[in-house]
Amino acid sequence: MINLSLVIPAHNSEKVIRKSVEEYYSFFSKKVNRIEIITVCNGCSDNTVQICNGLKEKFQVKVVEIPQKGKGYALVEGFNNSNYEVIGFLDADNPFDLDKIMKMINLLDEGDVVIASKYLKKQLRVQDSLLRRIISIGGGIVSKILFDLNVSDTQAGAKFFKKRVWERISKRDFICRGFDFDIEFLYKVQKAQFKIIEFYIPLEKYVKFSTFRLKYLPGMLKRLFILRFLK
């Protein structure tokens, strides 16, 4: 059985974080040898930090608070605070079937990085939100054109990898610290010649919660162009 460091980026997640942490801990504590849950409260202006602090003792939660709002900032901080040999992240709203997530994690026996994809099959069991579809489909197009990434869904909120992957690719600073982080992460993984496996996991429920906003797109594209052509 593995030891798992689970990172949860939690920007203004007071409406969903308690239930998700409880569900994550209840499930994974029975499936892995050891579990640490790292909630990264990034740029929160609500009660997310207080709620997470209240979960520390019962659910073995490590709470990290940073001022920056970007998802990438949260994930980098969380990964750097991880202690176990398998590291990964799940969204604060817990939209996936955790049994399928566990099957996905077990595929690390065959590869170095396993990522969830909602688009490996033509039909979605549950309709994704418009904003999530925009960023997922757009991310796939941009990642293919700019970085030749052959993955169908760069943006799904479930990625797991071996600790040595992070130790290798994190030696240079990340440029993309927002929702574009996933693309830079996969690009660096591919350049380092680690094996990426995609695993189809449809959404199990429609979740309205999202911290993505269309106004973030220009900044995301700018950083991705810098990554591709200036670095």
C-alpha atoms as a PDB file:
ATOM      1  CA  MET A   1       0.000   0.000   0.000  1.00  0.00           C
ATOM      2  CA  ILE A   2       1.215   3.476  -0.842  1.00  0.00           C
ATOM      3  CA  ASN A   3       1.760   6.573   1.242  1.00  0.00           C
ATOM      4  CA  LEU A   4      -0.173   9.458  -0.305  1.00  0.00           C
ATOM      5  CA  SER A   5       0.199  13.215  -0.085  1.00  0.00           C
ATOM      6  CA  LEU A   6      -3.078  14.730  -1.287  1.00  0.00           C
ATOM      7  CA  VAL A   7      -3.051  18.450  -2.066  1.00  0.00           C
ATOM      8  CA  ILE A   8      -6.286  20.439  -2.258  1.00  0.00           C
ATOM      9  CA  PRO A   9      -6.055  23.961  -3.713  1.00  0.00           C
ATOM     10  CA  ALA A  10      -8.726  25.893  -1.821  1.00  0.00           C
ATOM     11  CA  HIS A  11      -9.368  29.458  -2.960  1.00  0.00           C
ATOM     12  CA  ASN A  12     -12.563  30.753  -1.305  1.00  0.00           C
ATOM     13  CA  SER A  13     -13.878  27.220  -0.885  1.00  0.00           C
ATOM     14  CA  GLU A  14     -15.865  27.626   2.333  1.00  0.00           C
ATOM     15  CA  LYS A  15     -19.010  26.154   0.758  1.00  0.00           C
ATOM     16  CA  VAL A  16     -17.403  22.857  -0.260  1.00  0.00           C
ATOM     17  CA  ILE A  17     -14.109  22.253   1.575  1.00  0.00           C
ATOM     18  CA  ARG A  18     -15.399  20.663   4.803  1.00  0.00           C
ATOM     19  CA  LYS A  19     -17.475  17.998   3.062  1.00  0.00           C
ATOM     20  CA  SER A  20     -14.712  17.252   0.549  1.00  0.00           C
ATOM     21  CA  VAL A  21     -11.982  16.854   3.186  1.00  0.00           C
ATOM     22  CA  GLU A  22     -14.225  14.537   5.204  1.00  0.00           C
ATOM     23  CA  GLU A  23     -14.972  12.425   2.125  1.00  0.00           C
ATOM     24  CA  TYR A  24     -11.345  12.340   0.991  1.00  0.00           C
ATOM     25  CA  TYR A  25     -10.063  11.290   4.397  1.00  0.00           C
ATOM     26  CA  SER A  26     -12.809   8.709   4.959  1.00  0.00           C
ATOM     27  CA  PHE A  27     -12.055   7.077   1.609  1.00  0.00           C
ATOM     28  CA  PHE A  28      -8.273   7.235   1.302  1.00  0.00           C
ATOM     29  CA  SER A  29      -7.482   6.374   4.929  1.00  0.00           C
ATOM     30  CA  LYS A  30      -8.917   2.926   4.156  1.00  0.00           C
ATOM     31  CA  LYS A  31      -7.154   2.527   0.798  1.00  0.00           C
ATOM     32  CA  VAL A  32      -3.579   3.659   1.433  1.00  0.00           C
ATOM     33  CA  ASN A  33      -0.982   3.009   4.099  1.00  0.00           C
ATOM     34  CA  ARG A  34      -0.645   6.646   5.136  1.00  0.00           C
ATOM     35  CA  ILE A  35      -2.489   9.761   4.023  1.00  0.00           C
ATOM     36  CA  GLU A  36      -1.674  13.412   4.535  1.00  0.00           C
ATOM     37  CA  ILE A  37      -4.132  16.020   3.291  1.00  0.00           C
ATOM     38  CA  ILE A  38      -2.631  19.404   2.516  1.00  0.00           C
ATOM     39  CA  THR A  39      -5.147  22.196   2.018  1.00  0.00           C
ATOM     40  CA  VAL A  40      -3.556  25.251   0.465  1.00  0.00           C
ATOM     41  CA  CYS A  41      -5.706  28.272   1.206  1.00  0.00           C
ATOM     42  CA  ASN A  42      -4.565  30.698  -1.468  1.00  0.00           C
ATOM     43  CA  GLY A  43      -5.714  34.305  -1.431  1.00  0.00           C
ATOM     44  CA  CYS A  44      -8.849  33.473   0.554  1.00  0.00           C
ATOM     45  CA  SER A  45     -11.200  36.256   1.657  1.00  0.00           C
ATOM     46  CA  ASP A  46     -13.854  33.981   3.168  1.00  0.00           C
ATOM     47  CA  ASN A  47     -13.800  31.412   6.010  1.00  0.00           C
ATOM     48  CA  THR A  48     -11.855  28.690   4.191  1.00  0.00           C
ATOM     49  CA  VAL A  49      -8.796  29.006   6.442  1.00  0.00           C
ATOM     50  CA  GLN A  50     -10.842  28.816   9.640  1.00  0.00           C
ATOM     51  CA  ILE A  51     -12.760  25.784   8.396  1.00  0.00           C
ATOM     52  CA  CYS A  52      -9.572  23.979   7.399  1.00  0.00           C
ATOM     53  CA  ASN A  53      -7.951  24.746  10.742  1.00  0.00           C
ATOM     54  CA  GLY A  54     -10.963  23.151  12.419  1.00  0.00           C
ATOM     55  CA  LEU A  55     -10.340  19.943  10.428  1.00  0.00           C
ATOM     56  CA  LYS A  56      -6.662  19.582  11.334  1.00  0.00           C
ATOM     57  CA  GLU A  57      -6.756  17.141  14.207  1.00  0.00           C
ATOM     58  CA  LYS A  58      -9.562  14.827  13.173  1.00  0.00           C
ATOM     59  CA  PHE A  59      -8.599  14.453   9.514  1.00  0.00           C
ATOM     60  CA  GLN A  60      -4.798  14.860   9.651  1.00  0.00           C
ATOM     61  CA  VAL A  61      -4.965  18.051   7.639  1.00  0.00           C
ATOM     62  CA  LYS A  62      -1.962  20.269   7.093  1.00  0.00           C
ATOM     63  CA  VAL A  63      -3.140  23.833   6.425  1.00  0.00           C
ATOM     64  CA  VAL A  64      -0.948  26.101   4.324  1.00  0.00           C
ATOM     65  CA  GLU A  65      -1.981  29.714   3.794  1.00  0.00           C
ATOM     66  CA  ILE A  66      -0.505  31.869   1.019  1.00  0.00           C
ATOM     67  CA  PRO A  67      -1.538  35.321  -0.261  1.00  0.00           C
ATOM     68  CA  GLN A  68      -1.483  34.526  -3.983  1.00  0.00           C
ATOM     69  CA  LYS A  69      -4.772  33.596  -5.693  1.00  0.00           C
ATOM     70  CA  GLY A  70      -3.551  31.393  -8.547  1.00  0.00           C
ATOM     71  CA  LYS A  71      -4.149  27.643  -8.628  1.00  0.00           C
ATOM     72  CA  GLY A  72      -0.540  27.117  -9.684  1.00  0.00           C
ATOM     73  CA  TYR A  73       0.763  28.955  -6.640  1.00  0.00           C
ATOM     74  CA  ALA A  74      -1.343  26.687  -4.437  1.00  0.00           C
ATOM     75  CA  LEU A  75      -0.216  23.472  -6.099  1.00  0.00           C
ATOM     76  CA  VAL A  76       3.478  24.342  -6.071  1.00  0.00           C
ATOM     77  CA  GLU A  77       3.249  25.205  -2.367  1.00  0.00           C
ATOM     78  CA  GLY A  78       1.340  22.027  -1.639  1.00  0.00           C
ATOM     79  CA  PHE A  79       3.694  19.768  -3.588  1.00  0.00           C
ATOM     80  CA  ASN A  80       6.706  21.343  -1.878  1.00  0.00           C
ATOM     81  CA  ASN A  81       5.121  20.558   1.502  1.00  0.00           C
ATOM     82  CA  SER A  82       4.420  16.926   0.587  1.00  0.00           C
ATOM     83  CA  ASN A  83       6.245  14.133   2.413  1.00  0.00           C
ATOM     84  CA  TYR A  84       5.178  10.881   0.765  1.00  0.00           C
ATOM     85  CA  GLU A  85       6.234   8.978  -2.343  1.00  0.00           C
ATOM     86  CA  VAL A  86       2.968   9.536  -4.223  1.00  0.00           C
ATOM     87  CA  ILE A  87       1.773  13.117  -4.632  1.00  0.00           C
ATOM     88  CA  GLY A  88      -1.395  14.360  -6.247  1.00  0.00           C
ATOM     89  CA  PHE A  89      -4.200  16.833  -6.140  1.00  0.00           C
ATOM     90  CA  LEU A  90      -7.969  16.847  -6.264  1.00  0.00           C
ATOM     91  CA  ASP A  91     -10.310  19.816  -6.557  1.00  0.00           C
ATOM     92  CA  ALA A  92     -11.959  21.301  -3.488  1.00  0.00           C
ATOM     93  CA  ASP A  93     -15.441  20.325  -4.704  1.00  0.00           C
ATOM     94  CA  ASN A  94     -14.812  16.557  -5.042  1.00  0.00           C
ATOM     95  CA  PRO A  95     -16.539  16.017  -8.423  1.00  0.00           C
ATOM     96  CA  PHE A  96     -15.166  12.519  -9.176  1.00  0.00           C
ATOM     97  CA  ASP A  97     -15.948   8.939  -8.125  1.00  0.00           C
ATOM     98  CA  LEU A  98     -13.162   8.196  -5.631  1.00  0.00           C
ATOM     99  CA  ASP A  99     -13.130   4.474  -6.459  1.00  0.00           C
ATOM    100  CA  LYS A 100     -12.146   5.455 -10.003  1.00  0.00           C
ATOM    101  CA  ILE A 101      -9.577   7.890  -8.629  1.00  0.00           C
ATOM    102  CA  MET A 102      -8.017   5.002  -6.688  1.00  0.00           C
ATOM    103  CA  LYS A 103      -7.877   2.877  -9.839  1.00  0.00           C
ATOM    104  CA  MET A 104      -6.174   5.786 -11.515  1.00  0.00           C
ATOM    105  CA  ILE A 105      -3.574   6.092  -8.731  1.00  0.00           C
ATOM    106  CA  ASN A 106      -2.813   2.374  -8.999  1.00  0.00           C
ATOM    107  CA  LEU A 107      -1.747   2.937 -12.611  1.00  0.00           C
ATOM    108  CA  LEU A 108       1.421   4.534 -11.256  1.00  0.00           C
ATOM    109  CA  ASP A 109       2.751   0.951 -11.321  1.00  0.00           C
ATOM    110  CA  GLU A 110       2.811   1.405 -15.106  1.00  0.00           C
ATOM    111  CA  GLY A 111       3.819   5.043 -15.465  1.00  0.00           C
ATOM    112  CA  ASP A 112       5.181   8.104 -13.717  1.00  0.00           C
ATOM    113  CA  VAL A 113       2.207  10.466 -13.963  1.00  0.00           C
ATOM    114  CA  VAL A 114      -1.499   9.627 -14.192  1.00  0.00           C
ATOM    115  CA  ILE A 115      -4.030  12.287 -15.117  1.00  0.00           C
ATOM    116  CA  ALA A 116      -7.810  12.194 -15.196  1.00  0.00           C
ATOM    117  CA  SER A 117      -9.618  12.924 -18.433  1.00  0.00           C
ATOM    118  CA  LYS A 118     -13.301  13.624 -18.961  1.00  0.00           C
ATOM    119  CA  TYR A 119     -12.875  13.549 -22.750  1.00  0.00           C
ATOM    120  CA  LEU A 120     -11.332  10.215 -23.678  1.00  0.00           C
ATOM    121  CA  LYS A 121     -14.828   9.059 -24.661  1.00  0.00           C
ATOM    122  CA  LYS A 122     -17.311  11.019 -26.726  1.00  0.00           C
ATOM    123  CA  GLN A 123     -20.154  11.168 -24.239  1.00  0.00           C
ATOM    124  CA  LEU A 124     -20.032  12.762 -20.814  1.00  0.00           C
ATOM    125  CA  ARG A 125     -22.179  11.083 -18.198  1.00  0.00           C
ATOM    126  CA  VAL A 126     -22.873  14.440 -16.567  1.00  0.00           C
ATOM    127  CA  GLN A 127     -22.751  17.817 -18.311  1.00  0.00           C
ATOM    128  CA  ASP A 128     -19.755  19.835 -17.205  1.00  0.00           C
ATOM    129  CA  SER A 129     -20.203  23.520 -16.415  1.00  0.00           C
ATOM    130  CA  LEU A 130     -19.663  25.962 -19.278  1.00  0.00           C
ATOM    131  CA  LEU A 131     -16.630  27.557 -17.647  1.00  0.00           C
ATOM    132  CA  ARG A 132     -14.968  24.199 -16.977  1.00  0.00           C
ATOM    133  CA  ARG A 133     -15.623  23.106 -20.556  1.00  0.00           C
ATOM    134  CA  ILE A 134     -14.105  26.314 -21.924  1.00  0.00           C
ATOM    135  CA  ILE A 135     -10.889  25.928 -19.990  1.00  0.00           C
ATOM    136  CA  SER A 136     -10.645  22.164 -20.639  1.00  0.00           C
ATOM    137  CA  ILE A 137     -11.246  22.305 -24.383  1.00  0.00           C
ATOM    138  CA  GLY A 138      -9.214  25.489 -24.808  1.00  0.00           C
ATOM    139  CA  GLY A 139      -6.381  24.053 -22.763  1.00  0.00           C
ATOM    140  CA  GLY A 140      -6.292  20.964 -24.943  1.00  0.00           C
ATOM    141  CA  ILE A 141      -6.116  22.987 -28.146  1.00  0.00           C
ATOM    142  CA  VAL A 142      -3.414  25.347 -26.880  1.00  0.00           C
ATOM    143  CA  SER A 143      -1.317  22.554 -25.377  1.00  0.00           C
ATOM    144  CA  LYS A 144      -1.364  20.635 -28.656  1.00  0.00           C
ATOM    145  CA  ILE A 145      -0.480  23.635 -30.835  1.00  0.00           C
ATOM    146  CA  LEU A 146       2.192  25.149 -28.600  1.00  0.00           C
ATOM    147  CA  PHE A 147       3.639  22.167 -26.767  1.00  0.00           C
ATOM    148  CA  ASP A 148       2.691  19.089 -28.819  1.00  0.00           C
ATOM    149  CA  LEU A 149       1.019  17.526 -25.791  1.00  0.00           C
ATOM    150  CA  ASN A 150      -1.011  14.505 -26.841  1.00  0.00           C
ATOM    151  CA  VAL A 151      -3.511  14.482 -23.996  1.00  0.00           C
ATOM    152  CA  SER A 152      -7.243  14.976 -24.350  1.00  0.00           C
ATOM    153  CA  ASP A 153      -7.838  16.898 -21.116  1.00  0.00           C
ATOM    154  CA  THR A 154      -5.053  18.967 -19.575  1.00  0.00           C
ATOM    155  CA  GLN A 155      -7.296  20.659 -17.006  1.00  0.00           C
ATOM    156  CA  ALA A 156      -9.142  17.916 -15.118  1.00  0.00           C
ATOM    157  CA  GLY A 157      -8.704  18.417 -11.383  1.00  0.00           C
ATOM    158  CA  ALA A 158      -7.090  15.077 -10.621  1.00  0.00           C
ATOM    159  CA  LYS A 159      -3.413  14.355 -11.263  1.00  0.00           C
ATOM    160  CA  PHE A 160      -1.089  11.979  -9.391  1.00  0.00           C
ATOM    161  CA  PHE A 161       2.610  11.292  -9.786  1.00  0.00           C
ATOM    162  CA  LYS A 162       5.697   9.849  -8.175  1.00  0.00           C
ATOM    163  CA  LYS A 163       7.628  12.155  -5.885  1.00  0.00           C
ATOM    164  CA  ARG A 164      10.762  11.853  -8.036  1.00  0.00           C
ATOM    165  CA  VAL A 165       8.855  13.498 -10.893  1.00  0.00           C
ATOM    166  CA  TRP A 166       8.313  16.626  -8.820  1.00  0.00           C
ATOM    167  CA  GLU A 167      11.881  16.575  -7.546  1.00  0.00           C
ATOM    168  CA  ARG A 168      13.060  16.602 -11.156  1.00  0.00           C
ATOM    169  CA  ILE A 169      10.770  19.142 -12.800  1.00  0.00           C
ATOM    170  CA  SER A 170      10.495  21.635  -9.948  1.00  0.00           C
ATOM    171  CA  LYS A 171      14.167  22.590 -10.101  1.00  0.00           C
ATOM    172  CA  ARG A 172      13.266  25.557 -12.321  1.00  0.00           C
ATOM    173  CA  ASP A 173      10.566  28.049 -11.400  1.00  0.00           C
ATOM    174  CA  PHE A 174       7.123  27.713 -12.928  1.00  0.00           C
ATOM    175  CA  ILE A 175       5.928  30.594 -15.097  1.00  0.00           C
ATOM    176  CA  CYS A 176       2.281  29.520 -15.163  1.00  0.00           C
ATOM    177  CA  ARG A 177       0.810  30.029 -11.703  1.00  0.00           C
ATOM    178  CA  GLY A 178      -2.892  30.142 -12.580  1.00  0.00           C
ATOM    179  CA  PHE A 179      -5.128  27.539 -14.223  1.00  0.00           C
ATOM    180  CA  ASP A 180      -2.453  27.287 -16.924  1.00  0.00           C
ATOM    181  CA  PHE A 181      -0.189  25.519 -14.401  1.00  0.00           C
ATOM    182  CA  ASP A 182      -1.460  22.094 -15.527  1.00  0.00           C
ATOM    183  CA  ILE A 183      -0.188  22.673 -19.060  1.00  0.00           C
ATOM    184  CA  GLU A 184       3.276  23.744 -17.922  1.00  0.00           C
ATOM    185  CA  PHE A 185       3.391  20.803 -15.514  1.00  0.00           C
ATOM    186  CA  LEU A 186       2.608  18.310 -18.283  1.00  0.00           C
ATOM    187  CA  TYR A 187       4.988  20.053 -20.676  1.00  0.00           C
ATOM    188  CA  LYS A 188       7.850  19.734 -18.187  1.00  0.00           C
ATOM    189  CA  VAL A 189       6.917  16.117 -17.462  1.00  0.00           C
ATOM    190  CA  GLN A 190       7.003  15.355 -21.190  1.00  0.00           C
ATOM    191  CA  LYS A 191      10.350  17.141 -21.682  1.00  0.00           C
ATOM    192  CA  ALA A 192      11.832  15.124 -18.813  1.00  0.00           C
ATOM    193  CA  GLN A 193      10.656  11.952 -20.612  1.00  0.00           C
ATOM    194  CA  PHE A 194       8.435  10.674 -17.851  1.00  0.00           C
ATOM    195  CA  LYS A 195       5.542   8.463 -18.885  1.00  0.00           C
ATOM    196  CA  ILE A 196       2.075  10.070 -18.735  1.00  0.00           C
ATOM    197  CA  ILE A 197      -1.043   7.904 -18.580  1.00  0.00           C
ATOM    198  CA  GLU A 198      -4.545   9.295 -19.158  1.00  0.00           C
ATOM    199  CA  PHE A 199      -7.435   7.660 -17.345  1.00  0.00           C
ATOM    200  CA  TYR A 200     -11.046   8.282 -18.271  1.00  0.00           C
ATOM    201  CA  ILE A 201     -13.148   9.460 -15.345  1.00  0.00           C
ATOM    202  CA  PRO A 202     -16.488  11.134 -16.043  1.00  0.00           C
ATOM    203  CA  LEU A 203     -17.910  13.640 -13.618  1.00  0.00           C
ATOM    204  CA  GLU A 204     -20.247  11.931 -11.191  1.00  0.00           C
ATOM    205  CA  LYS A 205     -22.193  15.063 -10.365  1.00  0.00           C
ATOM    206  CA  TYR A 206     -22.784  18.519 -11.721  1.00  0.00           C
ATOM    207  CA  VAL A 207     -20.935  21.010  -9.533  1.00  0.00           C
ATOM    208  CA  LYS A 208     -21.620  24.719  -9.901  1.00  0.00           C
ATOM    209  CA  PHE A 209     -18.637  25.697  -7.754  1.00  0.00           C
ATOM    210  CA  SER A 210     -15.739  27.116  -9.770  1.00  0.00           C
ATOM    211  CA  THR A 211     -13.098  29.750  -9.119  1.00  0.00           C
ATOM    212  CA  PHE A 212     -12.252  30.139 -12.818  1.00  0.00           C
ATOM    213  CA  ARG A 213     -13.223  33.403 -14.519  1.00  0.00           C
ATOM    214  CA  LEU A 214     -13.045  34.309 -18.209  1.00  0.00           C
ATOM    215  CA  LYS A 215     -10.995  37.401 -17.331  1.00  0.00           C
ATOM    216  CA  TYR A 216      -8.103  35.066 -16.489  1.00  0.00           C
ATOM    217  CA  LEU A 217      -7.705  33.903 -20.113  1.00  0.00           C
ATOM    218  CA  PRO A 218      -5.489  36.748 -21.461  1.00  0.00           C
ATOM    219  CA  GLY A 219      -2.976  36.303 -18.652  1.00  0.00           C
ATOM    220  CA  MET A 220      -2.961  32.544 -19.122  1.00  0.00           C
ATOM    221  CA  LEU A 221      -2.266  32.834 -22.842  1.00  0.00           C
ATOM    222  CA  LYS A 222       0.472  35.394 -22.255  1.00  0.00           C
ATOM    223  CA  ARG A 223       2.293  33.152 -19.795  1.00  0.00           C
ATOM    224  CA  LEU A 224       1.975  30.122 -22.074  1.00  0.00           C
ATOM    225  CA  PHE A 225       3.468  32.062 -25.002  1.00  0.00           C
ATOM    226  CA  ILE A 226       6.349  33.187 -22.758  1.00  0.00           C
ATOM    227  CA  LEU A 227       6.905  29.584 -21.696  1.00  0.00           C
ATOM    228  CA  ARG A 228       6.945  28.364 -25.297  1.00  0.00           C
ATOM    229  CA  PHE A 229       8.940  31.049 -27.039  1.00  0.00           C
ATOM    230  CA  LEU A 230      11.043  32.855 -24.432  1.00  0.00           C
ATOM    231  CA  LYS A 231      12.158  30.133 -22.040  1.00  0.00           C
END
